[in-house]
Amino acid sequence: MPLSFDNTEIAFRYRNNKELKRANFLFSSMSSPFLSKTGMKLTQWAMSVNLPIKGIVKKTIFQQFCGGETIEEAAVTSATLGKFGVDVALDYSVEGKESEAEFDHAVPEFIKAIEFAATQNNIPFIPIKVTGFARFSLLEKIHRGESLNEAEKAEWARVEKRIDRICEAAARCKSMILIDAEESWIQKPVDDLADFMMACYNKKALVVFNTFQMYRHDRLDFLKTSHNKAMQLGYTLGAKLVRGAYMEKERKRAEEQGYASPIQPNKESTDKDYDTAVTYCINNLDTIAVFIGTHNENSCLKAAEMMQQKGIQPRNAPVYFSQLYGMSDNITFNLADAGFHVSKYLPYGPVKDVVPYLMRRAQENTSVAGQTGRELGLIKKELKRRGI
């Protein structure tokens, strides 16, 4: 049978009727820009002043998009996904830290996640953000190419050591690290750090991936440059391909500061570069491992069909599809059912600390044209199929 993302029985078989009805309520609410915007503001305000709404948040939007508050709770969700052939990228989603003590404290939390993942059958990936281990302003200064003073050099050395400890643990435990992309004005030190870690750890095994945001018009060329560098130095390029997460912020900053926007002129250009990047990676699987992180059905279908046309066995190839937990189950579970490597990005962490992540998910669903409508339509189709 040809691959299809319309089979809702496969898409939602891991969800019971109660969970499916909750998802229907949430996506119905998010389909209203007014309700969604109001709900986000009220939630952020209530959490900031410590109103007792944690229970409500946890039973609604948190349960939809997060695996749990602790690694143990996330493990239960992960095991459920594993029953249906779906892997997990275990994502400790606490954000907004700025002190050296907090950066140092984050390292053992990630090593704990890596060591735990090694005991499970379906948790091959651990995502990290360099901004979880380094001051934003330090990254800005390095990106601008400014000289660091002695204290800043020591501070950056500590950042490199933190990331190295995490990558070393991943290599030891046979896990893979996904280094997330950041805003364009701090991305260069992140890229340089990712390249250095790949040069250290990707020569004998596949350990580290860098992220390429294809809504930037320069990233397709940068992907090819990164690949050439990897081949020259003798390591496998780990390429996580995404469309991007900071478009509105990037355009606004470029306009305010009077420089050319790094963002593609339109969605069609982003889609074209994304699919070209996927094709480039699949054509070079002897020296590239690709992580296709997207909710775009056409991109996933094109990639899967290309693999089939080239006779690439999905389970034997370094090609990994991924979607966020709580979204695009029709893509994830139908790909898994067809035998492809596919994972859910599974965030976990204390409810209050994960609220910024949850707000981005709600905003993403309301801002991406057709996303909420597509989710809602599939859920309603499955509810009808179940006679609910």
Protein backbone atom coordinates (compact mmCIF):
# COMPACT_ATOMS: atom_id res chain seq x y z
CA MET A 1 0.00 0.00 0.00
CA PRO A 2 1.27 3.51 -0.78
CA LEU A 3 2.16 5.66 2.23
CA SER A 4 -0.71 7.88 3.35
CA PHE A 5 -1.06 10.37 6.20
CA ASP A 6 -4.87 10.20 6.20
CA ASN A 7 -5.26 6.96 8.17
CA THR A 8 -6.59 8.21 11.52
CA GLU A 9 -7.01 4.73 12.97
CA ILE A 10 -3.24 4.28 12.84
CA ALA A 11 -2.59 7.92 13.79
CA PHE A 12 -4.57 7.86 17.04
CA ARG A 13 -4.59 4.26 18.18
CA TYR A 14 -2.31 5.19 21.09
CA ARG A 15 -4.94 7.67 22.35
CA ASN A 16 -8.01 6.47 24.27
CA ASN A 17 -11.39 8.17 23.84
CA LYS A 18 -10.90 10.53 26.80
CA GLU A 19 -7.51 11.70 25.50
CA LEU A 20 -8.87 12.19 22.01
CA LYS A 21 -11.78 14.29 23.30
CA ARG A 22 -9.33 16.42 25.30
CA ALA A 23 -7.26 16.98 22.16
CA ASN A 24 -10.44 17.94 20.31
CA PHE A 25 -11.23 20.55 22.97
CA LEU A 26 -7.70 21.99 22.94
CA PHE A 27 -7.36 22.30 19.18
CA SER A 28 -10.90 23.71 18.94
CA SER A 29 -9.85 26.40 21.42
CA MET A 30 -6.61 27.07 19.53
CA SER A 31 -8.54 27.46 16.28
CA SER A 32 -9.92 30.72 17.72
CA PRO A 33 -7.15 33.38 17.68
CA PHE A 34 -8.99 35.36 20.38
CA LEU A 35 -9.42 32.40 22.75
CA SER A 36 -5.89 31.20 22.12
CA LYS A 37 -4.27 34.60 22.69
CA THR A 38 -6.38 35.31 25.78
CA GLY A 39 -5.71 31.86 27.20
CA MET A 40 -1.95 32.21 26.72
CA LYS A 41 -1.84 35.61 28.43
CA LEU A 42 -4.00 34.43 31.35
CA THR A 43 -1.90 31.30 31.82
CA GLN A 44 1.39 33.21 31.80
CA TRP A 45 0.02 35.82 34.21
CA ALA A 46 -1.49 33.26 36.59
CA MET A 47 1.73 31.24 36.72
CA SER A 48 3.85 34.38 37.26
CA VAL A 49 1.82 35.39 40.34
CA ASN A 50 1.62 31.80 41.62
CA LEU A 51 -2.13 31.36 41.29
CA PRO A 52 -3.10 27.70 41.92
CA ILE A 53 -3.77 26.74 38.29
CA LYS A 54 -1.02 24.14 37.91
CA GLY A 55 -3.59 21.32 38.02
CA ILE A 56 -5.62 22.84 35.19
CA VAL A 57 -2.55 23.46 33.04
CA LYS A 58 -1.20 19.95 33.69
CA LYS A 59 -4.49 18.25 32.78
CA THR A 60 -4.93 20.20 29.54
CA ILE A 61 -2.18 21.76 27.43
CA PHE A 62 0.67 20.14 29.44
CA GLN A 63 -0.68 16.60 28.96
CA GLN A 64 -1.18 17.25 25.25
CA PHE A 65 2.33 18.50 24.50
CA CYS A 66 4.58 17.18 27.33
CA GLY A 67 5.67 13.77 28.54
CA GLY A 68 5.56 14.59 32.26
CA GLU A 69 7.17 16.67 34.97
CA THR A 70 9.95 14.19 35.73
CA ILE A 71 12.06 11.83 33.69
CA GLU A 72 10.15 8.95 35.30
CA GLU A 73 6.81 10.34 34.09
CA ALA A 74 8.27 10.94 30.63
CA ALA A 75 9.44 7.32 30.59
CA VAL A 76 5.84 6.11 30.89
CA THR A 77 4.81 8.23 27.89
CA SER A 78 7.89 7.05 25.98
CA ALA A 79 7.01 3.41 26.64
CA THR A 80 3.52 3.98 25.25
CA LEU A 81 4.96 5.46 22.05
CA GLY A 82 7.43 2.59 21.80
CA LYS A 83 4.60 0.06 21.59
CA PHE A 84 3.77 1.54 18.19
CA GLY A 85 7.32 1.70 16.82
CA VAL A 86 7.83 5.39 17.65
CA ASP A 87 11.14 6.58 19.10
CA VAL A 88 11.65 9.56 21.39
CA ALA A 89 13.85 12.65 21.53
CA LEU A 90 13.83 13.24 25.29
CA ASP A 91 13.76 17.00 25.75
CA TYR A 92 14.37 18.64 29.14
CA SER A 93 12.49 21.84 28.32
CA VAL A 94 13.39 24.16 31.19
CA GLU A 95 14.37 27.53 29.71
CA GLY A 96 15.41 31.05 30.59
CA LYS A 97 18.36 30.36 32.87
CA GLU A 98 21.20 32.91 33.01
CA SER A 99 23.58 32.20 35.90
CA GLU A 100 26.75 30.10 35.93
CA ALA A 101 25.33 28.03 38.77
CA GLU A 102 22.19 27.26 36.76
CA PHE A 103 24.25 26.37 33.68
CA ASP A 104 26.41 24.03 35.74
CA HIS A 105 23.33 22.48 37.35
CA ALA A 106 21.83 21.69 33.92
CA VAL A 107 24.74 19.46 32.87
CA PRO A 108 24.09 16.55 35.29
CA GLU A 109 20.36 16.77 34.46
CA PHE A 110 21.15 16.11 30.80
CA ILE A 111 23.70 13.40 31.61
CA LYS A 112 21.02 11.77 33.77
CA ALA A 113 18.67 11.85 30.78
CA ILE A 114 21.35 10.35 28.52
CA GLU A 115 22.14 7.55 30.95
CA PHE A 116 18.45 6.85 31.45
CA ALA A 117 17.84 6.81 27.70
CA ALA A 118 20.55 4.17 27.34
CA THR A 119 18.42 1.80 29.44
CA GLN A 120 15.41 2.21 27.12
CA ASN A 121 14.80 0.71 23.69
CA ASN A 122 13.28 3.75 22.00
CA ILE A 123 15.05 6.91 23.24
CA PRO A 124 17.95 7.46 20.81
CA PHE A 125 17.99 11.29 20.92
CA ILE A 126 18.64 13.99 23.51
CA PRO A 127 18.11 17.59 22.28
CA ILE A 128 20.08 20.44 23.84
CA LYS A 129 20.14 24.22 23.42
CA VAL A 130 23.47 26.01 23.81
CA THR A 131 21.55 28.90 25.42
CA GLY A 132 20.85 26.47 28.25
CA PHE A 133 24.58 26.48 29.04
CA ALA A 134 25.76 29.95 28.02
CA ARG A 135 24.81 33.60 28.48
CA PHE A 136 22.95 35.01 25.50
CA SER A 137 25.03 38.20 25.54
CA LEU A 138 28.27 36.19 25.48
CA LEU A 139 27.05 34.32 22.39
CA GLU A 140 26.11 37.65 20.78
CA LYS A 141 29.60 39.04 21.36
CA ILE A 142 31.29 35.96 19.90
CA HIS A 143 28.93 35.98 16.91
CA ARG A 144 29.86 39.61 16.18
CA GLY A 145 33.52 38.58 16.11
CA GLU A 146 34.50 40.84 19.01
CA SER A 147 37.52 40.02 21.16
CA LEU A 148 36.78 38.50 24.54
CA ASN A 149 38.45 39.66 27.73
CA GLU A 150 40.16 37.12 29.98
CA ALA A 151 37.06 36.55 32.12
CA GLU A 152 34.91 36.00 29.03
CA LYS A 153 37.46 33.59 27.55
CA ALA A 154 37.30 31.56 30.76
CA GLU A 155 33.51 31.73 30.66
CA TRP A 156 33.41 30.43 27.08
CA ALA A 157 35.82 27.64 27.98
CA ARG A 158 33.33 26.54 30.65
CA VAL A 159 30.56 26.52 28.04
CA GLU A 160 32.66 24.30 25.76
CA LYS A 161 33.39 21.99 28.68
CA ARG A 162 29.69 21.66 29.54
CA ILE A 163 28.75 20.71 25.99
CA ASP A 164 31.72 18.35 25.74
CA ARG A 165 30.71 16.54 28.93
CA ILE A 166 27.23 15.97 27.50
CA CYS A 167 28.55 14.76 24.12
CA GLU A 168 31.08 12.49 25.83
CA ALA A 169 28.28 10.94 27.89
CA ALA A 170 26.24 10.42 24.74
CA ALA A 171 29.16 8.73 22.98
CA ARG A 172 29.70 6.48 26.00
CA CYS A 173 26.00 5.57 26.19
CA LYS A 174 25.53 5.26 22.40
CA SER A 175 22.97 8.07 22.33
CA MET A 176 22.69 10.95 19.87
CA ILE A 177 22.72 14.68 20.70
CA LEU A 178 20.63 17.17 18.72
CA ILE A 179 22.08 20.69 19.08
CA ASP A 180 19.16 23.03 18.46
CA ALA A 181 19.44 26.18 16.35
CA GLU A 182 19.17 29.63 17.91
CA GLU A 183 18.50 33.19 16.70
CA SER A 184 20.61 34.24 13.70
CA TRP A 185 22.55 36.83 15.72
CA ILE A 186 24.00 34.16 18.05
CA GLN A 187 24.11 31.21 15.64
CA LYS A 188 27.77 31.28 14.56
CA PRO A 189 29.28 30.19 17.92
CA VAL A 190 26.60 27.49 18.09
CA ASP A 191 27.55 26.23 14.62
CA ASP A 192 31.25 26.33 15.46
CA LEU A 193 30.66 24.42 18.68
CA ALA A 194 28.54 21.82 16.88
CA ASP A 195 31.20 21.37 14.19
CA PHE A 196 33.89 20.92 16.84
CA MET A 197 31.83 18.30 18.69
CA MET A 198 31.10 16.43 15.45
CA ALA A 199 34.82 16.44 14.62
CA CYS A 200 35.49 14.96 18.07
CA TYR A 201 32.73 12.38 18.26
CA ASN A 202 31.35 11.60 14.76
CA LYS A 203 34.45 9.93 13.30
CA LYS A 204 33.76 6.49 14.76
CA ALA A 205 30.03 6.71 15.48
CA LEU A 206 27.04 9.00 14.95
CA VAL A 207 26.73 11.14 18.08
CA VAL A 208 26.15 14.84 17.31
CA PHE A 209 23.73 16.66 14.99
CA ASN A 210 23.70 20.36 14.18
CA THR A 211 20.43 22.06 13.22
CA PHE A 212 19.84 23.90 9.94
CA GLN A 213 16.89 26.33 9.86
CA MET A 214 15.82 26.41 6.24
CA TYR A 215 13.65 29.50 6.58
CA ARG A 216 17.01 31.32 6.45
CA HIS A 217 18.01 31.93 2.84
CA ASP A 218 21.69 31.13 3.50
CA ARG A 219 21.26 27.74 5.16
CA LEU A 220 21.18 25.53 2.06
CA ASP A 221 24.64 26.77 1.09
CA PHE A 222 25.76 26.45 4.71
CA LEU A 223 24.57 22.82 4.76
CA LYS A 224 26.76 22.06 1.73
CA THR A 225 29.70 23.94 3.27
CA SER A 226 29.28 21.97 6.51
CA HIS A 227 29.19 18.72 4.53
CA ASN A 228 32.41 19.57 2.65
CA LYS A 229 34.11 20.42 5.95
CA ALA A 230 32.99 17.11 7.44
CA MET A 231 34.33 15.14 4.47
CA GLN A 232 37.68 16.98 4.61
CA LEU A 233 38.07 16.24 8.32
CA GLY A 234 36.74 12.70 8.09
CA TYR A 235 33.56 12.75 10.17
CA THR A 236 29.87 12.16 9.48
CA LEU A 237 27.75 15.30 9.28
CA GLY A 238 24.70 15.04 11.49
CA ALA A 239 22.13 17.35 9.88
CA LYS A 240 18.87 18.11 11.63
CA LEU A 241 16.67 19.94 9.12
CA VAL A 242 13.87 22.22 10.33
CA ARG A 243 12.03 25.11 8.77
CA GLY A 244 12.59 27.41 11.75
CA ALA A 245 11.16 28.92 14.91
CA TYR A 246 12.07 32.63 15.10
CA MET A 247 10.68 34.13 11.87
CA GLU A 248 8.65 37.03 13.29
CA LYS A 249 11.38 37.95 15.78
CA GLU A 250 14.06 37.80 13.06
CA ARG A 251 12.18 40.05 10.62
CA LYS A 252 11.29 42.57 13.32
CA ARG A 253 14.89 42.86 14.53
CA ALA A 254 16.24 43.22 10.99
CA GLU A 255 13.76 46.00 10.28
CA GLU A 256 14.44 47.81 13.56
CA GLN A 257 18.23 47.64 13.19
CA GLY A 258 18.30 48.32 9.45
CA TYR A 259 20.00 45.20 8.08
CA ALA A 260 18.89 42.72 5.44
CA SER A 261 16.57 40.07 6.85
CA PRO A 262 18.09 36.58 6.96
CA ILE A 263 14.63 35.10 6.40
CA GLN A 264 13.36 33.72 3.09
CA PRO A 265 11.07 36.09 1.13
CA ASN A 266 8.12 33.68 1.29
CA LYS A 267 6.97 30.22 2.38
CA GLU A 268 7.49 28.78 -1.11
CA SER A 269 11.21 29.62 -0.96
CA THR A 270 11.47 27.97 2.46
CA ASP A 271 9.68 24.85 1.23
CA LYS A 272 11.89 24.67 -1.86
CA ASP A 273 15.13 24.96 0.14
CA TYR A 274 13.87 22.49 2.74
CA ASP A 275 13.06 19.80 0.19
CA THR A 276 16.30 20.47 -1.70
CA ALA A 277 18.23 20.04 1.56
CA VAL A 278 16.46 16.73 2.28
CA THR A 279 17.26 15.51 -1.24
CA TYR A 280 20.91 16.57 -0.87
CA CYS A 281 21.23 14.65 2.39
CA ILE A 282 19.54 11.48 1.12
CA ASN A 283 21.85 11.56 -1.92
CA ASN A 284 24.87 11.62 0.43
CA LEU A 285 23.97 9.10 3.13
CA ASP A 286 27.48 7.65 3.09
CA THR A 287 28.73 10.86 4.76
CA ILE A 288 25.54 12.48 6.13
CA ALA A 289 22.95 11.38 8.67
CA VAL A 290 19.72 13.37 8.36
CA PHE A 291 17.05 14.17 10.94
CA ILE A 292 13.94 15.42 9.12
CA GLY A 293 12.14 17.51 11.71
CA THR A 294 8.95 18.77 10.12
CA HIS A 295 5.16 18.79 10.32
CA ASN A 296 4.91 19.32 6.59
CA GLU A 297 3.22 16.29 5.06
CA ASN A 298 4.52 16.95 1.53
CA SER A 299 8.14 17.09 2.72
CA CYS A 300 7.80 13.82 4.63
CA LEU A 301 6.05 12.12 1.73
CA LYS A 302 8.68 13.28 -0.78
CA ALA A 303 11.50 12.04 1.44
CA ALA A 304 9.86 8.66 2.01
CA GLU A 305 9.12 8.21 -1.70
CA MET A 306 12.68 9.17 -2.62
CA MET A 307 14.03 6.53 -0.26
CA GLN A 308 11.71 3.93 -1.78
CA GLN A 309 12.69 4.91 -5.33
CA LYS A 310 16.40 4.60 -4.47
CA GLY A 311 15.82 1.23 -2.82
CA ILE A 312 16.94 2.50 0.59
CA GLN A 313 15.76 0.23 3.39
CA PRO A 314 14.31 2.62 6.03
CA ARG A 315 15.47 0.65 9.04
CA ASN A 316 19.05 0.41 7.77
CA ALA A 317 19.51 4.06 6.78
CA PRO A 318 20.56 7.07 8.88
CA VAL A 319 17.33 8.91 8.04
CA TYR A 320 15.19 9.97 10.98
CA PHE A 321 11.82 11.70 10.79
CA SER A 322 10.44 13.62 13.76
CA GLN A 323 7.43 15.61 14.94
CA LEU A 324 6.55 17.28 18.23
CA TYR A 325 4.62 15.25 20.79
CA GLY A 326 0.94 16.14 20.65
CA MET A 327 1.03 17.25 17.01
CA SER A 328 0.94 15.61 13.58
CA ASP A 329 0.26 12.11 14.87
CA ASN A 330 -1.01 11.25 11.39
CA ILE A 331 2.56 11.69 10.07
CA THR A 332 4.42 10.07 12.96
CA PHE A 333 2.41 6.91 13.41
CA ASN A 334 1.82 6.22 9.71
CA LEU A 335 5.57 6.58 9.05
CA ALA A 336 6.31 4.20 11.94
CA ASP A 337 3.70 1.76 10.66
CA ALA A 338 5.45 1.82 7.25
CA GLY A 339 8.79 0.94 8.88
CA PHE A 340 10.58 4.30 8.93
CA HIS A 341 12.69 5.67 11.79
CA VAL A 342 10.45 8.30 13.37
CA SER A 343 10.50 9.98 16.75
CA LYS A 344 8.47 12.35 18.87
CA TYR A 345 10.15 15.34 20.49
CA LEU A 346 9.03 14.63 24.05
CA PRO A 347 9.47 17.59 26.44
CA TYR A 348 9.46 17.13 30.20
CA GLY A 349 10.04 19.31 33.25
CA PRO A 350 8.16 21.09 36.05
CA VAL A 351 4.92 22.63 34.79
CA LYS A 352 5.90 26.19 35.73
CA ASP A 353 9.30 25.93 34.06
CA VAL A 354 7.87 24.44 30.86
CA VAL A 355 5.20 27.14 30.36
CA PRO A 356 7.39 29.12 27.87
CA TYR A 357 7.64 25.97 25.72
CA LEU A 358 3.88 25.39 25.95
CA MET A 359 3.13 28.97 24.94
CA ARG A 360 5.28 28.57 21.82
CA ARG A 361 3.41 25.41 20.87
CA ALA A 362 0.05 27.14 21.25
CA GLN A 363 1.32 30.14 19.29
CA GLU A 364 2.76 27.90 16.58
CA ASN A 365 -0.56 26.19 16.07
CA THR A 366 -2.43 29.48 15.72
CA SER A 367 0.19 31.17 13.49
CA VAL A 368 0.97 28.38 11.02
CA ALA A 369 -1.65 28.53 8.29
CA GLY A 370 -3.89 25.46 8.34
CA GLN A 371 -2.03 23.63 11.15
CA THR A 372 -4.80 23.76 13.76
CA GLY A 373 -7.50 23.11 11.17
CA ARG A 374 -5.67 20.04 9.89
CA GLU A 375 -5.15 18.67 13.42
CA LEU A 376 -8.78 19.31 14.32
CA GLY A 377 -10.11 17.76 11.14
CA LEU A 378 -8.16 14.54 11.69
CA ILE A 379 -9.26 14.29 15.33
CA LYS A 380 -12.91 14.80 14.41
CA LYS A 381 -12.56 12.20 11.65
CA GLU A 382 -11.26 9.66 14.17
CA LEU A 383 -13.93 10.52 16.74
CA LYS A 384 -16.53 9.90 14.06
CA ARG A 385 -14.88 6.62 13.05
CA ARG A 386 -15.05 5.53 16.70
CA GLY A 387 -18.69 6.53 16.87
CA ILE A 388 -18.10 9.21 19.53
